[in-house]
């Protein structure tokens, strides 16, 4: 985080020397993210706030914002834009909640389940919403509910409570990171809040 400081004045007179010293003082004293301070990215820019000791959520940036999903990539993250109810902000990467990240298997109640994403559906070519789950003897198709939906798939420009609400998600910023990075290697600090489930698909 930095400020756009003015260009230091040239010259050797007392006024120029004073302004150069003043700028140096400001740069040295301006706070940076560190112990006790949390840097948060908001729709209006980057801010520093005090971290509340003893609170995991607050110490890691607990501000929750509404986003409109813009891209589904078939990955552990999606792309979305800040949404304040009337206008869209910049597009950022948001990590999916843990159960919806791509994985090949997991163990539940001492049973090993194997997963395979379905990318053959024209309505879900990235496989973000569909998969098969097998316990070794039985295989079923599963779907995310509610679905991950983009603004483009709904043919809307600005979502609202009546038109396009399906593409809206809530996400929070985690100061320690989400454990997910973009394809370019950028650390993702925003994570989707819980609110979806995998369920047996109605048409097997």
N, C-alpha and C. Protein backbone atom coordinates (compact mmCIF):
# COMPACT_ATOMS: atom_id res chain seq x y z
N UNK A 1 0.85 -1.19 0.00
CA UNK A 1 0.00 0.00 0.00
C UNK A 1 0.88 1.23 0.00
N UNK A 2 0.59 2.20 -0.84
CA UNK A 2 1.40 3.40 -0.90
C UNK A 2 0.53 4.58 -1.28
N UNK A 3 1.05 5.78 -1.02
CA UNK A 3 0.36 7.00 -1.40
C UNK A 3 1.04 7.58 -2.62
N UNK A 4 0.31 8.36 -3.39
CA UNK A 4 0.89 9.05 -4.53
C UNK A 4 1.46 10.38 -4.04
N UNK A 5 2.67 10.34 -3.53
CA UNK A 5 3.30 11.55 -2.99
C UNK A 5 3.68 12.50 -4.13
N UNK A 6 3.64 13.81 -3.87
CA UNK A 6 4.05 14.77 -4.91
C UNK A 6 5.56 14.70 -5.14
N UNK A 7 5.99 15.15 -6.29
CA UNK A 7 7.41 15.18 -6.61
C UNK A 7 8.13 16.16 -5.68
N UNK A 8 9.20 15.73 -5.00
CA UNK A 8 9.92 16.65 -4.10
C UNK A 8 10.42 17.87 -4.85
N UNK A 9 10.35 19.03 -4.25
CA UNK A 9 10.82 20.25 -4.93
C UNK A 9 12.34 20.25 -5.06
N UNK A 10 12.81 20.83 -6.14
CA UNK A 10 14.25 20.95 -6.34
C UNK A 10 14.73 22.28 -5.76
N UNK A 11 16.01 22.43 -5.74
CA UNK A 11 16.57 23.67 -5.21
C UNK A 11 17.19 23.48 -3.84
N UNK A 12 17.90 24.46 -3.38
CA UNK A 12 18.61 24.37 -2.09
C UNK A 12 18.15 25.42 -1.10
N UNK A 13 17.05 26.15 -1.40
CA UNK A 13 16.59 27.16 -0.47
C UNK A 13 15.89 26.52 0.72
N UNK A 14 15.60 27.32 1.73
CA UNK A 14 15.02 26.80 2.96
C UNK A 14 13.65 26.14 2.73
N UNK A 15 12.84 26.73 1.87
CA UNK A 15 11.50 26.20 1.61
C UNK A 15 11.57 24.82 0.95
N UNK A 16 12.46 24.65 -0.03
CA UNK A 16 12.60 23.36 -0.70
C UNK A 16 13.12 22.30 0.27
N UNK A 17 14.10 22.66 1.07
CA UNK A 17 14.64 21.72 2.06
C UNK A 17 13.57 21.29 3.05
N UNK A 18 12.74 22.25 3.48
CA UNK A 18 11.67 21.95 4.43
C UNK A 18 10.69 20.95 3.85
N UNK A 19 10.24 21.14 2.60
CA UNK A 19 9.28 20.25 1.99
C UNK A 19 9.86 18.86 1.75
N UNK A 20 11.12 18.77 1.40
CA UNK A 20 11.74 17.46 1.22
C UNK A 20 11.81 16.69 2.54
N UNK A 21 12.16 17.39 3.63
CA UNK A 21 12.19 16.73 4.94
C UNK A 21 10.79 16.31 5.37
N UNK A 22 9.79 17.13 5.07
CA UNK A 22 8.41 16.81 5.43
C UNK A 22 7.94 15.55 4.69
N UNK A 23 8.25 15.44 3.40
CA UNK A 23 7.86 14.25 2.63
C UNK A 23 8.56 13.01 3.17
N UNK A 24 9.84 13.12 3.51
CA UNK A 24 10.57 11.98 4.07
C UNK A 24 9.95 11.53 5.38
N UNK A 25 9.52 12.48 6.19
CA UNK A 25 8.90 12.16 7.47
C UNK A 25 7.57 11.42 7.27
N UNK A 26 6.78 11.89 6.32
CA UNK A 26 5.51 11.24 6.03
C UNK A 26 5.69 9.81 5.56
N UNK A 27 6.66 9.59 4.68
CA UNK A 27 6.90 8.25 4.15
C UNK A 27 7.35 7.28 5.24
N UNK A 28 8.17 7.77 6.17
CA UNK A 28 8.66 6.90 7.24
C UNK A 28 7.58 6.58 8.26
N UNK A 29 6.65 7.53 8.48
CA UNK A 29 5.65 7.35 9.53
C UNK A 29 4.37 6.69 9.05
N UNK A 30 4.18 6.56 7.71
CA UNK A 30 2.93 5.98 7.22
C UNK A 30 2.86 4.51 7.59
N UNK A 31 1.76 4.04 8.21
CA UNK A 31 1.67 2.65 8.69
C UNK A 31 1.60 1.65 7.53
N UNK A 32 2.13 0.46 7.79
CA UNK A 32 2.08 -0.63 6.83
C UNK A 32 1.46 -1.85 7.51
N UNK A 33 0.95 -2.77 6.70
CA UNK A 33 0.38 -4.00 7.25
C UNK A 33 1.45 -4.75 8.03
N UNK A 34 1.10 -5.27 9.17
CA UNK A 34 2.04 -6.00 10.00
C UNK A 34 1.34 -6.45 11.27
N UNK A 35 2.10 -6.62 12.34
CA UNK A 35 1.51 -7.05 13.60
C UNK A 35 0.51 -6.00 14.08
N UNK A 36 -0.72 -6.44 14.31
CA UNK A 36 -1.75 -5.53 14.80
C UNK A 36 -2.48 -4.78 13.72
N UNK A 37 -2.01 -4.87 12.47
CA UNK A 37 -2.67 -4.18 11.36
C UNK A 37 -3.02 -5.18 10.26
N UNK A 38 -4.19 -5.01 9.68
CA UNK A 38 -4.65 -5.89 8.61
C UNK A 38 -4.93 -5.06 7.37
N UNK A 39 -4.40 -5.50 6.25
CA UNK A 39 -4.67 -4.83 4.99
C UNK A 39 -5.86 -5.49 4.32
N UNK A 40 -6.86 -4.71 3.95
CA UNK A 40 -8.08 -5.25 3.36
C UNK A 40 -8.34 -4.59 2.02
N UNK A 41 -8.75 -5.42 1.06
CA UNK A 41 -9.14 -4.91 -0.24
C UNK A 41 -10.65 -4.75 -0.25
N UNK A 42 -11.13 -3.56 -0.53
CA UNK A 42 -12.56 -3.28 -0.53
C UNK A 42 -12.96 -2.75 -1.90
N UNK A 43 -14.26 -2.63 -2.16
CA UNK A 43 -14.68 -2.10 -3.47
C UNK A 43 -14.16 -0.70 -3.75
N UNK A 44 -13.79 0.05 -2.70
CA UNK A 44 -13.33 1.42 -2.91
C UNK A 44 -11.83 1.56 -2.81
N UNK A 45 -11.11 0.47 -2.59
CA UNK A 45 -9.65 0.56 -2.51
C UNK A 45 -9.10 -0.31 -1.39
N UNK A 46 -7.84 -0.09 -1.05
CA UNK A 46 -7.17 -0.84 0.00
C UNK A 46 -7.10 0.00 1.26
N UNK A 47 -7.45 -0.61 2.40
CA UNK A 47 -7.43 0.11 3.67
C UNK A 47 -6.65 -0.70 4.70
N UNK A 48 -6.16 -0.01 5.72
CA UNK A 48 -5.53 -0.65 6.87
C UNK A 48 -6.47 -0.53 8.05
N UNK A 49 -6.62 -1.63 8.81
CA UNK A 49 -7.46 -1.57 10.00
C UNK A 49 -6.78 -2.31 11.13
N UNK A 50 -7.19 -2.01 12.35
CA UNK A 50 -6.63 -2.67 13.52
C UNK A 50 -7.13 -4.09 13.63
N UNK A 51 -6.23 -5.01 13.91
CA UNK A 51 -6.62 -6.41 14.12
C UNK A 51 -7.02 -6.59 15.57
N UNK A 52 -8.16 -7.24 15.79
CA UNK A 52 -8.64 -7.47 17.14
C UNK A 52 -8.05 -8.78 17.66
N UNK A 53 -7.24 -8.70 18.69
CA UNK A 53 -6.59 -9.88 19.23
C UNK A 53 -7.62 -10.86 19.78
N UNK A 54 -7.35 -12.15 19.56
CA UNK A 54 -8.23 -13.18 20.08
C UNK A 54 -9.39 -13.51 19.17
N UNK A 55 -9.51 -12.80 18.05
CA UNK A 55 -10.60 -13.07 17.12
C UNK A 55 -10.00 -13.50 15.79
N UNK A 56 -10.15 -14.77 15.44
CA UNK A 56 -9.56 -15.29 14.20
C UNK A 56 -10.12 -14.55 13.00
N UNK A 57 -11.43 -14.38 12.98
CA UNK A 57 -12.05 -13.75 11.82
C UNK A 57 -11.58 -12.32 11.64
N UNK A 58 -11.57 -11.55 12.74
CA UNK A 58 -11.19 -10.16 12.63
C UNK A 58 -9.72 -10.01 12.30
N UNK A 59 -8.88 -10.84 12.90
CA UNK A 59 -7.45 -10.74 12.67
C UNK A 59 -7.10 -11.10 11.23
N UNK A 60 -7.96 -11.82 10.55
CA UNK A 60 -7.69 -12.23 9.18
C UNK A 60 -8.54 -11.47 8.17
N UNK A 61 -9.20 -10.45 8.61
CA UNK A 61 -9.98 -9.64 7.67
C UNK A 61 -11.37 -10.21 7.48
N UNK A 62 -12.31 -9.86 8.34
CA UNK A 62 -13.62 -10.50 8.36
C UNK A 62 -14.66 -9.79 7.52
N UNK A 63 -14.28 -8.72 6.83
CA UNK A 63 -15.27 -7.99 6.04
C UNK A 63 -15.86 -8.91 4.97
N UNK A 64 -17.18 -8.94 4.89
CA UNK A 64 -17.87 -9.79 3.92
C UNK A 64 -18.54 -8.92 2.87
N UNK A 65 -18.37 -9.28 1.61
CA UNK A 65 -18.92 -8.50 0.51
C UNK A 65 -19.69 -9.38 -0.45
N UNK A 66 -20.56 -8.72 -1.19
CA UNK A 66 -21.36 -9.40 -2.21
C UNK A 66 -20.64 -9.30 -3.55
N UNK A 67 -20.65 -10.41 -4.30
CA UNK A 67 -19.98 -10.46 -5.59
C UNK A 67 -20.91 -11.06 -6.63
N UNK A 68 -20.69 -10.69 -7.88
CA UNK A 68 -21.39 -11.29 -9.01
C UNK A 68 -20.39 -12.14 -9.78
N UNK A 69 -20.70 -13.42 -9.95
CA UNK A 69 -19.77 -14.34 -10.63
C UNK A 69 -19.70 -14.00 -12.11
N UNK A 70 -18.48 -13.87 -12.61
CA UNK A 70 -18.28 -13.51 -14.02
C UNK A 70 -17.68 -14.65 -14.84
N UNK A 71 -16.87 -15.53 -14.21
CA UNK A 71 -16.26 -16.62 -14.95
C UNK A 71 -16.19 -17.88 -14.10
N UNK A 72 -16.57 -19.01 -14.70
CA UNK A 72 -16.35 -20.33 -14.12
C UNK A 72 -15.25 -20.99 -14.93
N UNK A 73 -14.22 -21.48 -14.25
CA UNK A 73 -13.01 -21.92 -14.94
C UNK A 73 -12.72 -23.40 -14.80
N UNK A 74 -13.57 -24.13 -14.06
CA UNK A 74 -13.27 -25.53 -13.82
C UNK A 74 -12.06 -25.71 -12.92
N UNK A 75 -11.90 -24.80 -11.96
CA UNK A 75 -10.75 -24.80 -11.06
C UNK A 75 -11.21 -24.63 -9.61
N UNK A 76 -10.24 -24.50 -8.70
CA UNK A 76 -10.56 -24.31 -7.29
C UNK A 76 -10.99 -22.88 -6.99
N UNK A 77 -11.05 -22.05 -7.98
CA UNK A 77 -11.48 -20.66 -7.80
C UNK A 77 -12.33 -20.23 -8.98
N UNK A 78 -13.01 -19.12 -8.80
CA UNK A 78 -13.81 -18.52 -9.85
C UNK A 78 -13.49 -17.03 -9.90
N UNK A 79 -13.99 -16.35 -10.91
CA UNK A 79 -13.78 -14.92 -11.04
C UNK A 79 -15.11 -14.20 -10.78
N UNK A 80 -15.05 -13.09 -10.07
CA UNK A 80 -16.27 -12.36 -9.73
C UNK A 80 -15.95 -10.87 -9.56
N UNK A 81 -16.99 -10.05 -9.62
CA UNK A 81 -16.84 -8.61 -9.45
C UNK A 81 -17.60 -8.15 -8.21
N UNK A 82 -17.02 -7.19 -7.49
CA UNK A 82 -17.71 -6.56 -6.36
C UNK A 82 -19.06 -6.04 -6.85
N UNK A 83 -20.09 -6.21 -6.00
CA UNK A 83 -21.43 -5.74 -6.35
C UNK A 83 -22.03 -5.05 -5.13
N UNK A 84 -22.34 -3.77 -5.26
CA UNK A 84 -22.85 -3.00 -4.12
C UNK A 84 -24.36 -2.81 -4.17
N UNK A 85 -25.03 -3.53 -5.08
CA UNK A 85 -26.47 -3.42 -5.19
C UNK A 85 -26.92 -2.55 -6.34
N UNK A 86 -25.98 -1.76 -6.88
CA UNK A 86 -26.33 -0.90 -8.02
C UNK A 86 -25.26 -0.86 -9.10
N UNK A 87 -24.03 -1.16 -8.75
CA UNK A 87 -22.95 -1.12 -9.74
C UNK A 87 -21.90 -2.17 -9.43
N UNK A 88 -21.16 -2.54 -10.47
CA UNK A 88 -20.11 -3.55 -10.35
C UNK A 88 -18.76 -2.92 -10.13
N UNK A 89 -17.90 -3.61 -9.37
CA UNK A 89 -16.53 -3.17 -9.15
C UNK A 89 -15.57 -3.99 -9.97
N UNK A 90 -14.31 -4.04 -9.54
CA UNK A 90 -13.30 -4.75 -10.32
C UNK A 90 -13.43 -6.26 -10.14
N UNK A 91 -12.90 -6.99 -11.08
CA UNK A 91 -12.96 -8.45 -11.08
C UNK A 91 -11.78 -9.02 -10.30
N UNK A 92 -12.06 -9.98 -9.42
CA UNK A 92 -11.00 -10.62 -8.64
C UNK A 92 -11.24 -12.13 -8.61
N UNK A 93 -10.22 -12.87 -8.18
CA UNK A 93 -10.31 -14.32 -8.03
C UNK A 93 -10.80 -14.64 -6.61
N UNK A 94 -11.74 -15.58 -6.51
CA UNK A 94 -12.29 -16.00 -5.22
C UNK A 94 -12.18 -17.52 -5.12
N UNK A 95 -11.57 -18.00 -4.05
CA UNK A 95 -11.45 -19.44 -3.84
C UNK A 95 -12.81 -20.02 -3.48
N UNK A 96 -13.11 -21.19 -4.01
CA UNK A 96 -14.36 -21.85 -3.66
C UNK A 96 -14.27 -22.38 -2.23
N UNK A 97 -15.44 -22.59 -1.64
CA UNK A 97 -15.49 -23.24 -0.32
C UNK A 97 -14.93 -24.65 -0.48
N UNK A 98 -14.30 -25.17 0.56
CA UNK A 98 -13.54 -26.42 0.50
C UNK A 98 -14.25 -27.60 -0.20
N UNK A 99 -15.51 -27.91 0.09
CA UNK A 99 -16.12 -29.08 -0.55
C UNK A 99 -16.26 -28.99 -2.06
N UNK A 100 -16.05 -27.80 -2.63
CA UNK A 100 -16.28 -27.63 -4.07
C UNK A 100 -14.99 -27.42 -4.84
N UNK A 101 -13.88 -27.58 -4.16
CA UNK A 101 -12.61 -27.55 -4.86
C UNK A 101 -12.37 -28.91 -5.52
N UNK A 102 -11.67 -28.89 -6.62
CA UNK A 102 -11.45 -30.12 -7.39
C UNK A 102 -10.56 -31.08 -6.61
N UNK A 103 -11.06 -32.28 -6.44
CA UNK A 103 -10.30 -33.32 -5.75
C UNK A 103 -10.71 -34.67 -6.32
N UNK A 104 -9.82 -35.63 -6.25
CA UNK A 104 -10.09 -36.94 -6.82
C UNK A 104 -10.77 -37.89 -5.85
N UNK A 105 -10.54 -37.69 -4.56
CA UNK A 105 -11.11 -38.62 -3.58
C UNK A 105 -11.12 -37.99 -2.20
N UNK A 106 -11.89 -38.61 -1.31
CA UNK A 106 -11.89 -38.26 0.11
C UNK A 106 -12.49 -39.41 0.89
N UNK A 107 -12.23 -39.42 2.20
CA UNK A 107 -12.72 -40.49 3.06
C UNK A 107 -13.80 -39.93 3.97
N UNK A 108 -14.98 -40.54 3.94
CA UNK A 108 -16.12 -40.12 4.76
C UNK A 108 -16.68 -41.34 5.48
N UNK A 109 -16.76 -41.29 6.80
CA UNK A 109 -17.30 -42.41 7.59
C UNK A 109 -16.61 -43.72 7.24
N UNK A 110 -15.28 -43.68 7.14
CA UNK A 110 -14.46 -44.86 6.83
C UNK A 110 -14.73 -45.44 5.45
N UNK A 111 -15.33 -44.66 4.58
CA UNK A 111 -15.57 -45.10 3.20
C UNK A 111 -14.82 -44.17 2.25
N UNK A 112 -14.09 -44.75 1.32
CA UNK A 112 -13.35 -43.96 0.34
C UNK A 112 -14.24 -43.67 -0.87
N UNK A 113 -14.39 -42.38 -1.18
CA UNK A 113 -15.17 -41.97 -2.34
C UNK A 113 -14.24 -41.39 -3.40
N UNK A 114 -14.48 -41.77 -4.64
CA UNK A 114 -13.72 -41.25 -5.77
C UNK A 114 -14.62 -40.37 -6.63
N UNK A 115 -14.07 -39.23 -7.06
CA UNK A 115 -14.86 -38.26 -7.81
C UNK A 115 -14.27 -38.03 -9.19
N UNK A 116 -15.17 -37.82 -10.14
CA UNK A 116 -14.77 -37.47 -11.51
C UNK A 116 -15.68 -36.36 -12.00
N UNK A 117 -15.10 -35.24 -12.39
CA UNK A 117 -15.90 -34.14 -12.88
C UNK A 117 -16.49 -34.48 -14.25
N UNK A 118 -17.73 -34.05 -14.47
CA UNK A 118 -18.41 -34.26 -15.75
C UNK A 118 -18.30 -32.97 -16.56
N UNK A 119 -17.61 -33.03 -17.69
CA UNK A 119 -17.43 -31.85 -18.53
C UNK A 119 -18.11 -32.01 -19.90
N UNK A 120 -18.92 -33.05 -20.05
CA UNK A 120 -19.56 -33.32 -21.34
C UNK A 120 -20.91 -32.63 -21.49
N UNK A 121 -21.43 -32.05 -20.40
CA UNK A 121 -22.71 -31.35 -20.49
C UNK A 121 -22.50 -29.98 -21.14
N UNK A 122 -23.31 -29.65 -22.13
CA UNK A 122 -23.17 -28.35 -22.80
C UNK A 122 -23.49 -27.20 -21.86
N UNK A 123 -24.34 -27.44 -20.87
CA UNK A 123 -24.71 -26.38 -19.93
C UNK A 123 -23.70 -26.24 -18.79
N UNK A 124 -22.70 -27.12 -18.73
CA UNK A 124 -21.67 -27.04 -17.69
C UNK A 124 -20.36 -27.60 -18.23
N UNK A 125 -19.80 -26.98 -19.27
CA UNK A 125 -18.61 -27.52 -19.92
C UNK A 125 -17.36 -27.53 -19.04
N UNK A 126 -17.33 -26.70 -18.01
CA UNK A 126 -16.16 -26.65 -17.14
C UNK A 126 -16.24 -27.67 -16.00
N UNK A 127 -17.42 -28.27 -15.81
CA UNK A 127 -17.57 -29.26 -14.74
C UNK A 127 -17.61 -28.68 -13.35
N UNK A 128 -17.92 -27.39 -13.23
CA UNK A 128 -17.99 -26.77 -11.91
C UNK A 128 -19.18 -27.27 -11.10
N UNK A 129 -20.23 -27.75 -11.78
CA UNK A 129 -21.47 -28.12 -11.10
C UNK A 129 -21.82 -29.60 -11.12
N UNK A 130 -21.07 -30.39 -11.87
CA UNK A 130 -21.45 -31.80 -12.02
C UNK A 130 -20.25 -32.74 -11.85
N UNK A 131 -20.51 -33.88 -11.21
CA UNK A 131 -19.48 -34.88 -11.02
C UNK A 131 -20.12 -36.25 -10.79
N UNK A 132 -19.31 -37.31 -10.86
CA UNK A 132 -19.74 -38.63 -10.42
C UNK A 132 -19.02 -38.93 -9.11
N UNK A 133 -19.69 -39.67 -8.25
CA UNK A 133 -19.12 -40.09 -6.97
C UNK A 133 -19.29 -41.60 -6.85
N UNK A 134 -18.21 -42.28 -6.49
CA UNK A 134 -18.26 -43.74 -6.40
C UNK A 134 -17.61 -44.22 -5.10
N UNK A 135 -18.25 -45.19 -4.46
CA UNK A 135 -17.67 -45.79 -3.26
C UNK A 135 -17.03 -47.14 -3.57
N UNK A 136 -16.88 -47.44 -4.85
CA UNK A 136 -16.27 -48.69 -5.27
C UNK A 136 -17.28 -49.70 -5.76
N UNK A 137 -18.51 -49.60 -5.27
CA UNK A 137 -19.57 -50.53 -5.70
C UNK A 137 -20.74 -49.80 -6.35
N UNK A 138 -20.97 -48.56 -5.93
CA UNK A 138 -22.07 -47.77 -6.48
C UNK A 138 -21.55 -46.43 -6.97
N UNK A 139 -22.02 -46.03 -8.14
CA UNK A 139 -21.64 -44.73 -8.70
C UNK A 139 -22.89 -43.91 -8.96
N UNK A 140 -22.87 -42.66 -8.57
CA UNK A 140 -24.01 -41.79 -8.83
C UNK A 140 -23.52 -40.44 -9.34
N UNK A 141 -24.40 -39.77 -10.08
CA UNK A 141 -24.09 -38.42 -10.55
C UNK A 141 -24.57 -37.42 -9.51
N UNK A 142 -23.75 -36.41 -9.25
CA UNK A 142 -24.07 -35.39 -8.26
C UNK A 142 -23.99 -34.00 -8.88
N UNK A 143 -24.72 -33.07 -8.28
CA UNK A 143 -24.78 -31.70 -8.79
C UNK A 143 -24.69 -30.72 -7.63
N UNK A 144 -24.11 -29.56 -7.89
CA UNK A 144 -24.02 -28.51 -6.87
C UNK A 144 -25.38 -27.82 -6.75
N UNK A 145 -25.81 -27.61 -5.52
CA UNK A 145 -27.07 -26.89 -5.29
C UNK A 145 -26.87 -25.87 -4.17
N UNK A 146 -27.20 -24.58 -4.44
CA UNK A 146 -27.57 -24.03 -5.74
C UNK A 146 -26.39 -24.00 -6.68
N UNK A 147 -26.65 -23.94 -7.98
CA UNK A 147 -25.61 -24.01 -8.99
C UNK A 147 -24.70 -22.77 -8.95
N UNK A 148 -23.46 -22.97 -9.41
CA UNK A 148 -22.60 -21.84 -9.75
C UNK A 148 -23.07 -21.31 -11.10
N UNK A 149 -23.39 -20.03 -11.16
CA UNK A 149 -23.94 -19.42 -12.38
C UNK A 149 -23.22 -18.10 -12.63
N UNK A 150 -22.93 -17.80 -13.89
CA UNK A 150 -22.29 -16.54 -14.24
C UNK A 150 -23.32 -15.52 -14.73
N UNK A 151 -22.92 -14.27 -14.73
CA UNK A 151 -23.79 -13.21 -15.26
C UNK A 151 -24.09 -13.44 -16.74
N UNK A 152 -23.06 -13.82 -17.50
CA UNK A 152 -23.25 -14.01 -18.94
C UNK A 152 -24.27 -15.11 -19.24
N UNK A 153 -24.23 -16.19 -18.45
CA UNK A 153 -25.16 -17.29 -18.70
C UNK A 153 -26.60 -16.87 -18.45
N UNK A 154 -26.77 -15.81 -17.65
CA UNK A 154 -28.11 -15.29 -17.37
C UNK A 154 -28.47 -14.13 -18.29
N UNK A 155 -27.51 -13.74 -19.13
CA UNK A 155 -27.71 -12.62 -20.08
C UNK A 155 -28.11 -11.34 -19.37
N UNK A 156 -27.39 -11.02 -18.29
CA UNK A 156 -27.69 -9.80 -17.54
C UNK A 156 -26.44 -8.95 -17.41
N UNK A 157 -26.64 -7.67 -17.18
CA UNK A 157 -25.54 -6.73 -16.97
C UNK A 157 -25.41 -6.40 -15.50
N UNK A 158 -26.53 -6.13 -14.84
CA UNK A 158 -26.55 -5.83 -13.41
C UNK A 158 -27.53 -6.74 -12.69
N UNK A 159 -27.05 -7.59 -11.79
CA UNK A 159 -27.95 -8.48 -11.06
C UNK A 159 -28.73 -7.73 -9.99
N UNK A 160 -29.89 -8.28 -9.62
CA UNK A 160 -30.65 -7.72 -8.51
C UNK A 160 -31.46 -8.83 -7.85
N UNK A 161 -32.29 -8.47 -6.88
CA UNK A 161 -33.03 -9.47 -6.13
C UNK A 161 -34.06 -10.22 -6.94
N UNK A 162 -34.45 -9.69 -8.09
CA UNK A 162 -35.45 -10.34 -8.92
C UNK A 162 -34.81 -10.99 -10.14
N UNK A 163 -33.87 -10.28 -10.75
CA UNK A 163 -33.26 -10.75 -11.99
C UNK A 163 -31.76 -10.96 -11.80
N UNK A 164 -31.33 -12.21 -11.82
CA UNK A 164 -29.90 -12.49 -11.75
C UNK A 164 -29.34 -12.74 -10.38
N UNK A 165 -30.17 -12.89 -9.38
CA UNK A 165 -29.66 -13.13 -8.03
C UNK A 165 -28.88 -14.44 -7.95
N UNK A 166 -29.14 -15.37 -8.92
CA UNK A 166 -28.47 -16.68 -8.88
C UNK A 166 -26.96 -16.57 -8.99
N UNK A 167 -26.46 -15.49 -9.61
CA UNK A 167 -25.02 -15.37 -9.80
C UNK A 167 -24.32 -14.65 -8.65
N UNK A 168 -25.07 -14.25 -7.63
CA UNK A 168 -24.48 -13.53 -6.50
C UNK A 168 -23.96 -14.48 -5.44
N UNK A 169 -22.78 -14.18 -4.90
CA UNK A 169 -22.19 -14.96 -3.82
C UNK A 169 -21.66 -14.02 -2.75
N UNK A 170 -21.47 -14.54 -1.56
CA UNK A 170 -20.83 -13.81 -0.47
C UNK A 170 -19.43 -14.36 -0.29
N UNK A 171 -18.47 -13.48 -0.05
CA UNK A 171 -17.09 -13.91 0.17
C UNK A 171 -16.44 -13.02 1.20
N UNK A 172 -15.45 -13.58 1.88
CA UNK A 172 -14.73 -12.83 2.90
C UNK A 172 -13.25 -12.92 2.62
N UNK A 173 -12.50 -11.96 3.13
CA UNK A 173 -11.06 -11.92 2.90
C UNK A 173 -10.33 -12.57 4.08
N UNK A 174 -9.43 -13.50 3.77
CA UNK A 174 -8.65 -14.18 4.78
C UNK A 174 -7.21 -13.69 4.71
N UNK A 175 -6.77 -13.05 5.77
CA UNK A 175 -5.43 -12.49 5.77
C UNK A 175 -4.34 -13.53 5.60
N UNK A 176 -4.59 -14.74 6.11
CA UNK A 176 -3.59 -15.81 6.01
C UNK A 176 -3.64 -16.52 4.67
N UNK A 177 -4.58 -16.15 3.81
CA UNK A 177 -4.71 -16.79 2.51
C UNK A 177 -5.64 -17.97 2.55
N UNK A 178 -6.01 -18.46 1.37
CA UNK A 178 -6.96 -19.56 1.24
C UNK A 178 -6.30 -20.88 0.88
N UNK A 179 -5.01 -20.85 0.57
CA UNK A 179 -4.32 -22.04 0.11
C UNK A 179 -4.48 -22.28 -1.37
N UNK A 180 -5.16 -21.37 -2.05
CA UNK A 180 -5.39 -21.49 -3.50
C UNK A 180 -4.66 -20.37 -4.21
N UNK A 181 -4.08 -20.68 -5.36
CA UNK A 181 -3.43 -19.68 -6.18
C UNK A 181 -4.01 -19.70 -7.58
N UNK A 182 -3.88 -18.60 -8.29
CA UNK A 182 -4.34 -18.53 -9.68
C UNK A 182 -3.35 -19.28 -10.57
N UNK A 183 -3.70 -19.44 -11.83
CA UNK A 183 -2.80 -20.09 -12.77
C UNK A 183 -1.49 -19.31 -12.92
N UNK A 184 -1.55 -18.02 -12.65
CA UNK A 184 -0.36 -17.18 -12.74
C UNK A 184 0.46 -17.20 -11.45
N UNK A 185 -0.01 -17.96 -10.45
CA UNK A 185 0.73 -18.07 -9.20
C UNK A 185 0.38 -17.03 -8.17
N UNK A 186 -0.66 -16.24 -8.41
CA UNK A 186 -1.07 -15.21 -7.46
C UNK A 186 -1.83 -15.83 -6.30
N UNK A 187 -1.46 -15.46 -5.09
CA UNK A 187 -2.11 -15.96 -3.89
C UNK A 187 -3.52 -15.38 -3.78
N UNK A 188 -4.52 -16.24 -3.60
CA UNK A 188 -5.91 -15.79 -3.49
C UNK A 188 -6.27 -15.62 -2.02
N UNK A 189 -6.75 -14.43 -1.65
CA UNK A 189 -7.06 -14.16 -0.24
C UNK A 189 -8.56 -14.07 0.01
N UNK A 190 -9.38 -14.13 -1.05
CA UNK A 190 -10.83 -14.10 -0.87
C UNK A 190 -11.38 -15.51 -0.96
N UNK A 191 -12.34 -15.84 -0.08
CA UNK A 191 -12.95 -17.17 -0.10
C UNK A 191 -14.47 -17.08 -0.01
N UNK A 192 -15.12 -17.89 -0.80
CA UNK A 192 -16.58 -17.98 -0.79
C UNK A 192 -17.06 -18.50 0.55
N UNK A 193 -18.15 -17.95 1.06
CA UNK A 193 -18.73 -18.43 2.31
C UNK A 193 -19.58 -19.68 2.04
N UNK A 194 -19.75 -20.53 3.06
CA UNK A 194 -20.57 -21.75 2.88
C UNK A 194 -22.00 -21.40 2.48
N UNK A 195 -22.64 -22.29 1.76
CA UNK A 195 -24.02 -22.05 1.35
C UNK A 195 -24.47 -22.97 0.23
N UNK A 196 -23.59 -23.91 -0.18
CA UNK A 196 -23.92 -24.86 -1.24
C UNK A 196 -23.71 -26.27 -0.74
N UNK A 197 -24.30 -27.23 -1.43
CA UNK A 197 -24.10 -28.65 -1.12
C UNK A 197 -23.99 -29.45 -2.41
N UNK A 198 -23.31 -30.59 -2.33
CA UNK A 198 -23.37 -31.57 -3.39
C UNK A 198 -24.57 -32.48 -3.12
N UNK A 199 -25.40 -32.72 -4.11
CA UNK A 199 -26.57 -33.59 -3.92
C UNK A 199 -26.71 -34.54 -5.09
N UNK A 200 -27.46 -35.61 -4.89
CA UNK A 200 -27.69 -36.60 -5.96
C UNK A 200 -28.47 -35.94 -7.09
N UNK A 201 -27.96 -36.08 -8.29
CA UNK A 201 -28.60 -35.45 -9.43
C UNK A 201 -29.95 -36.11 -9.71
N UNK A 202 -30.94 -35.28 -10.04
CA UNK A 202 -32.30 -35.77 -10.26
C UNK A 202 -32.39 -36.74 -11.43
N UNK A 203 -31.52 -36.58 -12.43
CA UNK A 203 -31.54 -37.46 -13.61
C UNK A 203 -30.24 -38.26 -13.64
N UNK A 204 -30.34 -39.53 -13.29
CA UNK A 204 -29.15 -40.38 -13.26
C UNK A 204 -28.91 -41.03 -14.62
